[in-house]
PDB file of N, CA and C in Angstrom:
ATOM      1  N   UNK A   1     -58.286 -38.423  18.195  1.00  0.00           N
ATOM      2  CA  UNK A   1     -57.119 -38.504  17.326  1.00  0.00           C
ATOM      3  C   UNK A   1     -57.090 -39.813  16.544  1.00  0.00           C
ATOM      4  N   UNK A   2     -57.770 -40.832  17.045  1.00  0.00           N
ATOM      5  CA  UNK A   2     -57.809 -42.098  16.325  1.00  0.00           C
ATOM      6  C   UNK A   2     -58.389 -41.908  14.919  1.00  0.00           C
ATOM      7  N   UNK A   3     -59.336 -40.994  14.801  1.00  0.00           N
ATOM      8  CA  UNK A   3     -60.001 -40.792  13.516  1.00  0.00           C
ATOM      9  C   UNK A   3     -59.151 -40.024  12.511  1.00  0.00           C
ATOM     10  N   UNK A   4     -58.387 -39.051  12.976  1.00  0.00           N
ATOM     11  CA  UNK A   4     -57.641 -38.208  12.033  1.00  0.00           C
ATOM     12  C   UNK A   4     -56.149 -38.153  12.313  1.00  0.00           C
ATOM     13  N   UNK A   5     -55.677 -38.953  13.266  1.00  0.00           N
ATOM     14  CA  UNK A   5     -54.264 -38.941  13.603  1.00  0.00           C
ATOM     15  C   UNK A   5     -53.406 -39.515  12.487  1.00  0.00           C
ATOM     16  N   UNK A   6     -52.141 -39.256  12.579  1.00  0.00           N
ATOM     17  CA  UNK A   6     -51.205 -39.749  11.573  1.00  0.00           C
ATOM     18  C   UNK A   6     -50.842 -38.655  10.583  1.00  0.00           C
ATOM     19  N   UNK A   7     -49.988 -39.011   9.670  1.00  0.00           N
ATOM     20  CA  UNK A   7     -49.426 -38.044   8.736  1.00  0.00           C
ATOM     21  C   UNK A   7     -50.394 -37.638   7.622  1.00  0.00           C
ATOM     22  N   UNK A   8     -51.283 -38.546   7.200  1.00  0.00           N
ATOM     23  CA  UNK A   8     -52.012 -38.318   5.963  1.00  0.00           C
ATOM     24  C   UNK A   8     -53.514 -38.070   6.081  1.00  0.00           C
ATOM     25  N   UNK A   9     -54.146 -38.540   7.131  1.00  0.00           N
ATOM     26  CA  UNK A   9     -55.611 -38.454   7.187  1.00  0.00           C
ATOM     27  C   UNK A   9     -56.120 -37.014   7.114  1.00  0.00           C
ATOM     28  N   UNK A  10     -55.527 -36.124   7.871  1.00  0.00           N
ATOM     29  CA  UNK A  10     -55.970 -34.727   7.838  1.00  0.00           C
ATOM     30  C   UNK A  10     -55.745 -34.115   6.457  1.00  0.00           C
ATOM     31  N   UNK A  11     -54.660 -34.501   5.815  1.00  0.00           N
ATOM     32  CA  UNK A  11     -54.366 -33.996   4.463  1.00  0.00           C
ATOM     33  C   UNK A  11     -55.428 -34.481   3.480  1.00  0.00           C
ATOM     34  N   UNK A  12     -55.783 -35.742   3.546  1.00  0.00           N
ATOM     35  CA  UNK A  12     -56.822 -36.303   2.673  1.00  0.00           C
ATOM     36  C   UNK A  12     -58.140 -35.586   2.924  1.00  0.00           C
ATOM     37  N   UNK A  13     -58.502 -35.439   4.189  1.00  0.00           N
ATOM     38  CA  UNK A  13     -59.760 -34.776   4.536  1.00  0.00           C
ATOM     39  C   UNK A  13     -59.768 -33.327   4.069  1.00  0.00           C
ATOM     40  N   UNK A  14     -58.640 -32.646   4.196  1.00  0.00           N
ATOM     41  CA  UNK A  14     -58.526 -31.265   3.727  1.00  0.00           C
ATOM     42  C   UNK A  14     -58.894 -31.169   2.248  1.00  0.00           C
ATOM     43  N   UNK A  15     -58.439 -32.125   1.452  1.00  0.00           N
ATOM     44  CA  UNK A  15     -58.709 -32.101   0.016  1.00  0.00           C
ATOM     45  C   UNK A  15     -60.148 -32.493  -0.318  1.00  0.00           C
ATOM     46  N   UNK A  16     -60.832 -33.124   0.610  1.00  0.00           N
ATOM     47  CA  UNK A  16     -62.237 -33.495   0.380  1.00  0.00           C
ATOM     48  C   UNK A  16     -63.212 -32.428   0.875  1.00  0.00           C
ATOM     49  N   UNK A  17     -62.699 -31.383   1.504  1.00  0.00           N
ATOM     50  CA  UNK A  17     -63.573 -30.330   2.033  1.00  0.00           C
ATOM     51  C   UNK A  17     -64.429 -29.714   0.927  1.00  0.00           C
ATOM     52  N   UNK A  18     -63.837 -29.463  -0.218  1.00  0.00           N
ATOM     53  CA  UNK A  18     -64.573 -28.776  -1.279  1.00  0.00           C
ATOM     54  C   UNK A  18     -65.331 -29.711  -2.216  1.00  0.00           C
ATOM     55  N   UNK A  19     -65.475 -30.966  -1.838  1.00  0.00           N
ATOM     56  CA  UNK A  19     -66.318 -31.868  -2.623  1.00  0.00           C
ATOM     57  C   UNK A  19     -65.657 -33.185  -2.985  1.00  0.00           C
ATOM     58  N   UNK A  20     -66.423 -33.980  -3.721  1.00  0.00           N
ATOM     59  CA  UNK A  20     -65.997 -35.324  -4.126  1.00  0.00           C
ATOM     60  C   UNK A  20     -64.707 -35.295  -4.927  1.00  0.00           C
ATOM     61  N   UNK A  21     -63.908 -36.316  -4.706  1.00  0.00           N
ATOM     62  CA  UNK A  21     -62.665 -36.475  -5.465  1.00  0.00           C
ATOM     63  C   UNK A  21     -62.508 -37.940  -5.837  1.00  0.00           C
ATOM     64  N   UNK A  22     -61.988 -38.163  -7.035  1.00  0.00           N
ATOM     65  CA  UNK A  22     -61.640 -39.522  -7.443  1.00  0.00           C
ATOM     66  C   UNK A  22     -60.257 -39.851  -6.884  1.00  0.00           C
ATOM     67  N   UNK A  23     -59.968 -41.132  -6.840  1.00  0.00           N
ATOM     68  CA  UNK A  23     -58.694 -41.616  -6.304  1.00  0.00           C
ATOM     69  C   UNK A  23     -57.519 -40.915  -6.988  1.00  0.00           C
ATOM     70  N   UNK A  24     -57.532 -40.878  -8.312  1.00  0.00           N
ATOM     71  CA  UNK A  24     -56.413 -40.275  -9.047  1.00  0.00           C
ATOM     72  C   UNK A  24     -56.294 -38.777  -8.788  1.00  0.00           C
ATOM     73  N   UNK A  25     -57.418 -38.110  -8.555  1.00  0.00           N
ATOM     74  CA  UNK A  25     -57.360 -36.695  -8.199  1.00  0.00           C
ATOM     75  C   UNK A  25     -56.619 -36.511  -6.878  1.00  0.00           C
ATOM     76  N   UNK A  26     -56.935 -37.364  -5.913  1.00  0.00           N
ATOM     77  CA  UNK A  26     -56.251 -37.299  -4.623  1.00  0.00           C
ATOM     78  C   UNK A  26     -54.761 -37.584  -4.778  1.00  0.00           C
ATOM     79  N   UNK A  27     -54.414 -38.542  -5.625  1.00  0.00           N
ATOM     80  CA  UNK A  27     -52.996 -38.858  -5.861  1.00  0.00           C
ATOM     81  C   UNK A  27     -52.257 -37.643  -6.415  1.00  0.00           C
ATOM     82  N   UNK A  28     -52.902 -36.919  -7.316  1.00  0.00           N
ATOM     83  CA  UNK A  28     -52.264 -35.732  -7.894  1.00  0.00           C
ATOM     84  C   UNK A  28     -52.160 -34.600  -6.881  1.00  0.00           C
ATOM     85  N   UNK A  29     -53.167 -34.479  -6.011  1.00  0.00           N
ATOM     86  CA  UNK A  29     -53.163 -33.426  -5.007  1.00  0.00           C
ATOM     87  C   UNK A  29     -52.160 -33.698  -3.886  1.00  0.00           C
ATOM     88  N   UNK A  30     -51.848 -34.985  -3.670  1.00  0.00           N
ATOM     89  CA  UNK A  30     -50.919 -35.377  -2.606  1.00  0.00           C
ATOM     90  C   UNK A  30     -49.816 -36.244  -3.241  1.00  0.00           C
ATOM     91  N   UNK A  31     -48.943 -35.627  -4.029  1.00  0.00           N
ATOM     92  CA  UNK A  31     -47.974 -36.418  -4.804  1.00  0.00           C
ATOM     93  C   UNK A  31     -46.959 -37.198  -3.972  1.00  0.00           C
ATOM     94  N   UNK A  32     -46.752 -36.825  -2.714  1.00  0.00           N
ATOM     95  CA  UNK A  32     -45.744 -37.514  -1.906  1.00  0.00           C
ATOM     96  C   UNK A  32     -46.288 -38.746  -1.178  1.00  0.00           C
ATOM     97  N   UNK A  33     -47.569 -38.998  -1.272  1.00  0.00           N
ATOM     98  CA  UNK A  33     -48.149 -40.176  -0.626  1.00  0.00           C
ATOM     99  C   UNK A  33     -48.036 -41.369  -1.579  1.00  0.00           C
ATOM    100  N   UNK A  34     -47.737 -42.533  -1.051  1.00  0.00           N
ATOM    101  CA  UNK A  34     -47.678 -43.720  -1.905  1.00  0.00           C
ATOM    102  C   UNK A  34     -49.094 -44.229  -2.177  1.00  0.00           C
ATOM    103  N   UNK A  35     -49.243 -44.980  -3.240  1.00  0.00           N
ATOM    104  CA  UNK A  35     -50.559 -45.539  -3.571  1.00  0.00           C
ATOM    105  C   UNK A  35     -51.065 -46.439  -2.455  1.00  0.00           C
ATOM    106  N   UNK A  36     -50.187 -47.238  -1.913  1.00  0.00           N
ATOM    107  CA  UNK A  36     -50.570 -48.161  -0.837  1.00  0.00           C
ATOM    108  C   UNK A  36     -51.064 -47.400   0.392  1.00  0.00           C
ATOM    109  N   UNK A  37     -50.327 -46.365   0.766  1.00  0.00           N
ATOM    110  CA  UNK A  37     -50.708 -45.577   1.929  1.00  0.00           C
ATOM    111  C   UNK A  37     -52.026 -44.864   1.700  1.00  0.00           C
ATOM    112  N   UNK A  38     -52.206 -44.273   0.515  1.00  0.00           N
ATOM    113  CA  UNK A  38     -53.463 -43.600   0.210  1.00  0.00           C
ATOM    114  C   UNK A  38     -54.623 -44.582   0.293  1.00  0.00           C
ATOM    115  N   UNK A  39     -54.460 -45.750  -0.299  1.00  0.00           N
ATOM    116  CA  UNK A  39     -55.521 -46.762  -0.259  1.00  0.00           C
ATOM    117  C   UNK A  39     -55.859 -47.170   1.171  1.00  0.00           C
ATOM    118  N   UNK A  40     -54.830 -47.411   1.983  1.00  0.00           N
ATOM    119  CA  UNK A  40     -55.056 -47.808   3.378  1.00  0.00           C
ATOM    120  C   UNK A  40     -55.742 -46.704   4.179  1.00  0.00           C
ATOM    121  N   UNK A  41     -55.298 -45.470   3.991  1.00  0.00           N
ATOM    122  CA  UNK A  41     -55.889 -44.350   4.725  1.00  0.00           C
ATOM    123  C   UNK A  41     -57.343 -44.129   4.322  1.00  0.00           C
ATOM    124  N   UNK A  42     -57.623 -44.235   3.030  1.00  0.00           N
ATOM    125  CA  UNK A  42     -59.002 -44.090   2.562  1.00  0.00           C
ATOM    126  C   UNK A  42     -59.886 -45.190   3.140  1.00  0.00           C
ATOM    127  N   UNK A  43     -59.361 -46.398   3.171  1.00  0.00           N
ATOM    128  CA  UNK A  43     -60.117 -47.516   3.720  1.00  0.00           C
ATOM    129  C   UNK A  43     -60.419 -47.296   5.198  1.00  0.00           C
ATOM    130  N   UNK A  44     -59.420 -46.843   5.965  1.00  0.00           N
ATOM    131  CA  UNK A  44     -59.630 -46.584   7.391  1.00  0.00           C
ATOM    132  C   UNK A  44     -60.642 -45.466   7.610  1.00  0.00           C
ATOM    133  N   UNK A  45     -60.532 -44.398   6.832  1.00  0.00           N
ATOM    134  CA  UNK A  45     -61.477 -43.292   6.959  1.00  0.00           C
ATOM    135  C   UNK A  45     -62.904 -43.737   6.610  1.00  0.00           C
ATOM    136  N   UNK A  46     -63.015 -44.614   5.626  1.00  0.00           N
ATOM    137  CA  UNK A  46     -64.336 -45.151   5.263  1.00  0.00           C
ATOM    138  C   UNK A  46     -64.878 -46.035   6.390  1.00  0.00           C
ATOM    139  N   UNK A  47     -64.039 -46.908   6.930  1.00  0.00           N
ATOM    140  CA  UNK A  47     -64.467 -47.795   8.018  1.00  0.00           C
ATOM    141  C   UNK A  47     -64.894 -47.012   9.255  1.00  0.00           C
ATOM    142  N   UNK A  48     -64.261 -45.862   9.482  1.00  0.00           N
ATOM    143  CA  UNK A  48     -64.596 -45.022  10.629  1.00  0.00           C
ATOM    144  C   UNK A  48     -65.815 -44.131  10.374  1.00  0.00           C
ATOM    145  N   UNK A  49     -66.348 -44.188   9.164  1.00  0.00           N
ATOM    146  CA  UNK A  49     -67.535 -43.404   8.846  1.00  0.00           C
ATOM    147  C   UNK A  49     -67.261 -41.941   8.556  1.00  0.00           C
ATOM    148  N   UNK A  50     -65.999 -41.599   8.295  1.00  0.00           N
ATOM    149  CA  UNK A  50     -65.600 -40.219   8.028  1.00  0.00           C
ATOM    150  C   UNK A  50     -65.815 -39.864   6.555  1.00  0.00           C
ATOM    151  N   UNK A  51     -65.526 -40.818   5.677  1.00  0.00           N
ATOM    152  CA  UNK A  51     -65.723 -40.576   4.247  1.00  0.00           C
ATOM    153  C   UNK A  51     -66.631 -41.652   3.657  1.00  0.00           C
ATOM    154  N   UNK A  52     -67.200 -41.300   2.518  1.00  0.00           N
ATOM    155  CA  UNK A  52     -68.054 -42.218   1.782  1.00  0.00           C
ATOM    156  C   UNK A  52     -67.342 -42.590   0.492  1.00  0.00           C
ATOM    157  N   UNK A  53     -67.421 -43.839   0.139  1.00  0.00           N
ATOM    158  CA  UNK A  53     -66.824 -44.337  -1.108  1.00  0.00           C
ATOM    159  C   UNK A  53     -67.966 -44.748  -2.017  1.00  0.00           C
ATOM    160  N   UNK A  54     -68.071 -44.080  -3.167  1.00  0.00           N
ATOM    161  CA  UNK A  54     -69.146 -44.394  -4.103  1.00  0.00           C
ATOM    162  C   UNK A  54     -68.541 -44.947  -5.387  1.00  0.00           C
ATOM    163  N   UNK A  55     -69.020 -46.130  -5.772  1.00  0.00           N
ATOM    164  CA  UNK A  55     -68.513 -46.807  -6.958  1.00  0.00           C
ATOM    165  C   UNK A  55     -69.537 -46.655  -8.083  1.00  0.00           C
ATOM    166  N   UNK A  56     -69.068 -46.201  -9.237  1.00  0.00           N
ATOM    167  CA  UNK A  56     -69.912 -46.078 -10.422  1.00  0.00           C
ATOM    168  C   UNK A  56     -69.517 -47.170 -11.398  1.00  0.00           C
ATOM    169  N   UNK A  57     -70.474 -48.044 -11.706  1.00  0.00           N
ATOM    170  CA  UNK A  57     -70.175 -49.182 -12.586  1.00  0.00           C
ATOM    171  C   UNK A  57     -70.882 -49.076 -13.930  1.00  0.00           C
ATOM    172  N   UNK A  58     -71.511 -47.946 -14.187  1.00  0.00           N
ATOM    173  CA  UNK A  58     -72.279 -47.815 -15.431  1.00  0.00           C
ATOM    174  C   UNK A  58     -71.446 -47.998 -16.684  1.00  0.00           C
ATOM    175  N   UNK A  59     -70.247 -47.455 -16.654  1.00  0.00           N
ATOM    176  CA  UNK A  59     -69.403 -47.557 -17.849  1.00  0.00           C
ATOM    177  C   UNK A  59     -67.982 -47.888 -17.448  1.00  0.00           C
ATOM    178  N   UNK A  60     -67.325 -48.712 -18.230  1.00  0.00           N
ATOM    179  CA  UNK A  60     -65.913 -48.964 -17.951  1.00  0.00           C
ATOM    180  C   UNK A  60     -65.103 -47.719 -18.305  1.00  0.00           C
ATOM    181  N   UNK A  61     -64.015 -47.439 -17.679  1.00  0.00           N
ATOM    182  CA  UNK A  61     -63.496 -48.142 -16.519  1.00  0.00           C
ATOM    183  C   UNK A  61     -64.277 -47.763 -15.259  1.00  0.00           C
ATOM    184  N   UNK A  62     -64.171 -48.610 -14.283  1.00  0.00           N
ATOM    185  CA  UNK A  62     -64.823 -48.405 -13.000  1.00  0.00           C
ATOM    186  C   UNK A  62     -64.374 -47.065 -12.409  1.00  0.00           C
ATOM    187  N   UNK A  63     -65.323 -46.303 -11.894  1.00  0.00           N
ATOM    188  CA  UNK A  63     -64.981 -45.017 -11.307  1.00  0.00           C
ATOM    189  C   UNK A  63     -65.388 -45.015  -9.826  1.00  0.00           C
ATOM    190  N   UNK A  64     -64.483 -44.548  -8.966  1.00  0.00           N
ATOM    191  CA  UNK A  64     -64.739 -44.475  -7.526  1.00  0.00           C
ATOM    192  C   UNK A  64     -64.518 -43.034  -7.085  1.00  0.00           C
ATOM    193  N   UNK A  65     -65.476 -42.515  -6.314  1.00  0.00           N
ATOM    194  CA  UNK A  65     -65.350 -41.167  -5.767  1.00  0.00           C
ATOM    195  C   UNK A  65     -65.443 -41.218  -4.249  1.00  0.00           C
ATOM    196  N   UNK A  66     -64.704 -40.315  -3.620  1.00  0.00           N
ATOM    197  CA  UNK A  66     -64.699 -40.221  -2.165  1.00  0.00           C
ATOM    198  C   UNK A  66     -65.237 -38.854  -1.766  1.00  0.00           C
ATOM    199  N   UNK A  67     -66.005 -38.827  -0.690  1.00  0.00           N
ATOM    200  CA  UNK A  67     -66.529 -37.570  -0.167  1.00  0.00           C
ATOM    201  C   UNK A  67     -66.689 -37.687   1.343  1.00  0.00           C
ATOM    202  N   UNK A  68     -66.835 -36.537   1.990  1.00  0.00           N
ATOM    203  CA  UNK A  68     -67.059 -36.527   3.428  1.00  0.00           C
ATOM    204  C   UNK A  68     -68.489 -36.961   3.739  1.00  0.00           C
ATOM    205  N   UNK A  69     -68.659 -37.758   4.756  1.00  0.00           N
ATOM    206  CA  UNK A  69     -69.993 -38.102   5.244  1.00  0.00           C
ATOM    207  C   UNK A  69     -70.479 -36.950   6.124  1.00  0.00           C
ATOM    208  N   UNK A  70     -71.736 -37.020   6.557  1.00  0.00           N
ATOM    209  CA  UNK A  70     -72.225 -36.009   7.490  1.00  0.00           C
ATOM    210  C   UNK A  70     -71.377 -36.011   8.761  1.00  0.00           C
ATOM    211  N   UNK A  71     -71.024 -37.209   9.228  1.00  0.00           N
ATOM    212  CA  UNK A  71     -70.150 -37.323  10.399  1.00  0.00           C
ATOM    213  C   UNK A  71     -68.788 -36.702  10.108  1.00  0.00           C
ATOM    214  N   UNK A  72     -68.256 -36.960   8.922  1.00  0.00           N
ATOM    215  CA  UNK A  72     -66.967 -36.390   8.530  1.00  0.00           C
ATOM    216  C   UNK A  72     -67.008 -34.876   8.467  1.00  0.00           C
ATOM    217  N   UNK A  73     -68.149 -34.328   8.062  1.00  0.00           N
ATOM    218  CA  UNK A  73     -68.286 -32.867   7.980  1.00  0.00           C
ATOM    219  C   UNK A  73     -68.245 -32.213   9.350  1.00  0.00           C
ATOM    220  N   UNK A  74     -68.535 -32.978  10.405  1.00  0.00           N
ATOM    221  CA  UNK A  74     -68.441 -32.409  11.749  1.00  0.00           C
ATOM    222  C   UNK A  74     -66.986 -32.105  12.111  1.00  0.00           C
ATOM    223  N   UNK A  75     -66.041 -32.651  11.346  1.00  0.00           N
ATOM    224  CA  UNK A  75     -64.615 -32.372  11.565  1.00  0.00           C
ATOM    225  C   UNK A  75     -64.162 -31.062  10.916  1.00  0.00           C
ATOM    226  N   UNK A  76     -65.003 -30.442  10.098  1.00  0.00           N
ATOM    227  CA  UNK A  76     -64.592 -29.239   9.368  1.00  0.00           C
ATOM    228  C   UNK A  76     -64.070 -28.132  10.285  1.00  0.00           C
ATOM    229  N   UNK A  77     -64.748 -27.819  11.392  1.00  0.00           N
ATOM    230  CA  UNK A  77     -64.186 -26.776  12.265  1.00  0.00           C
ATOM    231  C   UNK A  77     -62.798 -27.146  12.794  1.00  0.00           C
ATOM    232  N   UNK A  78     -62.597 -28.399  13.113  1.00  0.00           N
ATOM    233  CA  UNK A  78     -61.297 -28.862  13.606  1.00  0.00           C
ATOM    234  C   UNK A  78     -60.249 -28.743  12.498  1.00  0.00           C
ATOM    235  N   UNK A  79     -60.581 -29.196  11.296  1.00  0.00           N
ATOM    236  CA  UNK A  79     -59.642 -29.117  10.174  1.00  0.00           C
ATOM    237  C   UNK A  79     -59.295 -27.670   9.839  1.00  0.00           C
ATOM    238  N   UNK A  80     -60.303 -26.805   9.892  1.00  0.00           N
ATOM    239  CA  UNK A  80     -60.049 -25.385   9.616  1.00  0.00           C
ATOM    240  C   UNK A  80     -59.104 -24.784  10.647  1.00  0.00           C
ATOM    241  N   UNK A  81     -59.277 -25.145  11.911  1.00  0.00           N
ATOM    242  CA  UNK A  81     -58.389 -24.638  12.959  1.00  0.00           C
ATOM    243  C   UNK A  81     -56.974 -25.195  12.810  1.00  0.00           C
ATOM    244  N   UNK A  82     -56.872 -26.470  12.443  1.00  0.00           N
ATOM    245  CA  UNK A  82     -55.552 -27.069  12.218  1.00  0.00           C
ATOM    246  C   UNK A  82     -54.855 -26.360  11.053  1.00  0.00           C
ATOM    247  N   UNK A  83     -55.597 -26.080   9.995  1.00  0.00           N
ATOM    248  CA  UNK A  83     -55.047 -25.375   8.836  1.00  0.00           C
ATOM    249  C   UNK A  83     -54.588 -23.976   9.233  1.00  0.00           C
ATOM    250  N   UNK A  84     -55.420 -23.284   9.989  1.00  0.00           N
ATOM    251  CA  UNK A  84     -55.083 -21.932  10.453  1.00  0.00           C
ATOM    252  C   UNK A  84     -53.818 -21.967  11.318  1.00  0.00           C
ATOM    253  N   UNK A  85     -53.771 -22.905  12.249  1.00  0.00           N
ATOM    254  CA  UNK A  85     -52.603 -23.031  13.120  1.00  0.00           C
ATOM    255  C   UNK A  85     -51.356 -23.345  12.302  1.00  0.00           C
ATOM    256  N   UNK A  86     -51.470 -24.259  11.355  1.00  0.00           N
ATOM    257  CA  UNK A  86     -50.330 -24.642  10.525  1.00  0.00           C
ATOM    258  C   UNK A  86     -49.798 -23.478   9.713  1.00  0.00           C
ATOM    259  N   UNK A  87     -50.698 -22.662   9.186  1.00  0.00           N
ATOM    260  CA  UNK A  87     -50.288 -21.493   8.415  1.00  0.00           C
ATOM    261  C   UNK A  87     -49.542 -20.505   9.305  1.00  0.00           C
ATOM    262  N   UNK A  88     -50.104 -20.256  10.486  1.00  0.00           N
ATOM    263  CA  UNK A  88     -49.452 -19.338  11.424  1.00  0.00           C
ATOM    264  C   UNK A  88     -48.107 -19.885  11.893  1.00  0.00           C
ATOM    265  N   UNK A  89     -48.057 -21.157  12.203  1.00  0.00           N
ATOM    266  CA  UNK A  89     -46.803 -21.766  12.659  1.00  0.00           C
ATOM    267  C   UNK A  89     -45.738 -21.696  11.570  1.00  0.00           C
ATOM    268  N   UNK A  90     -46.149 -21.913  10.336  1.00  0.00           N
ATOM    269  CA  UNK A  90     -45.215 -21.857   9.217  1.00  0.00           C
ATOM    270  C   UNK A  90     -44.646 -20.452   9.059  1.00  0.00           C
ATOM    271  N   UNK A  91     -45.518 -19.461   9.161  1.00  0.00           N
ATOM    272  CA  UNK A  91     -45.049 -18.076   9.026  1.00  0.00           C
ATOM    273  C   UNK A  91     -44.151 -17.684  10.197  1.00  0.00           C
ATOM    274  N   UNK A  92     -44.489 -18.141  11.402  1.00  0.00           N
ATOM    275  CA  UNK A  92     -43.648 -17.846  12.571  1.00  0.00           C
ATOM    276  C   UNK A  92     -42.287 -18.496  12.441  1.00  0.00           C
ATOM    277  N   UNK A  93     -42.250 -19.724  11.917  1.00  0.00           N
ATOM    278  CA  UNK A  93     -40.951 -20.397  11.777  1.00  0.00           C
ATOM    279  C   UNK A  93     -40.097 -19.694  10.732  1.00  0.00           C
ATOM    280  N   UNK A  94     -40.708 -19.118   9.718  1.00  0.00           N
ATOM    281  CA  UNK A  94     -39.938 -18.353   8.721  1.00  0.00           C
ATOM    282  C   UNK A  94     -39.329 -17.115   9.368  1.00  0.00           C
ATOM    283  N   UNK A  95     -40.096 -16.462  10.243  1.00  0.00           N
ATOM    284  CA  UNK A  95     -39.580 -15.281  10.950  1.00  0.00           C
ATOM    285  C   UNK A  95     -38.423 -15.677  11.859  1.00  0.00           C
ATOM    286  N   UNK A  96     -38.548 -16.791  12.540  1.00  0.00           N
ATOM    287  CA  UNK A  96     -37.487 -17.253  13.447  1.00  0.00           C
ATOM    288  C   UNK A  96     -36.227 -17.571  12.655  1.00  0.00           C
ATOM    289  N   UNK A  97     -36.393 -18.233  11.518  1.00  0.00           N
ATOM    290  CA  UNK A  97     -35.242 -18.587  10.677  1.00  0.00           C
ATOM    291  C   UNK A  97     -34.556 -17.320  10.183  1.00  0.00           C
ATOM    292  N   UNK A  98     -35.326 -16.312   9.755  1.00  0.00           N
ATOM    293  CA  UNK A  98     -34.744 -15.066   9.276  1.00  0.00           C
ATOM    294  C   UNK A  98     -33.959 -14.385  10.384  1.00  0.00           C
ATOM    295  N   UNK A  99     -34.495 -14.425  11.623  1.00  0.00           N
ATOM    296  CA  UNK A  99     -33.794 -13.805  12.745  1.00  0.00           C
ATOM    297  C   UNK A  99     -32.474 -14.502  13.006  1.00  0.00           C
ATOM    298  N   UNK A 100     -32.454 -15.835  12.913  1.00  0.00           N
ATOM    299  CA  UNK A 100     -31.231 -16.588  13.168  1.00  0.00           C
ATOM    300  C   UNK A 100     -30.184 -16.312  12.101  1.00  0.00           C
ATOM    301  N   UNK A 101     -30.618 -16.135  10.863  1.00  0.00           N
ATOM    302  CA  UNK A 101     -29.696 -15.899   9.745  1.00  0.00           C
ATOM    303  C   UNK A 101     -29.109 -14.500   9.845  1.00  0.00           C
ATOM    304  N   UNK A 102     -29.898 -13.536  10.257  1.00  0.00           N
ATOM    305  CA  UNK A 102     -29.446 -12.132  10.320  1.00  0.00           C
ATOM    306  C   UNK A 102     -28.322 -11.927  11.293  1.00  0.00           C
TER     307      UNK A 102
END
């Protein structure tokens, strides 16, 4: 849990499943995260070897892309199960709410 615990790490990793993303792409995909929090979470994930940070300096402005490392890809089955569980839990809670309202 040290690697993916907390509110945002799994969300960030979920968005990196389908490939590289730039910082601003992640900000748009996760609009409720603050810039500071996103930066800190990305840094921690990079330090833990879960994601790779690639800097392109060929042309201004500087471009940075994030992607899953091979080690990070080993989390895919776990992330998929968490996503599946979350979807099921969300649908079950909607059913429970409807029952209470009825």
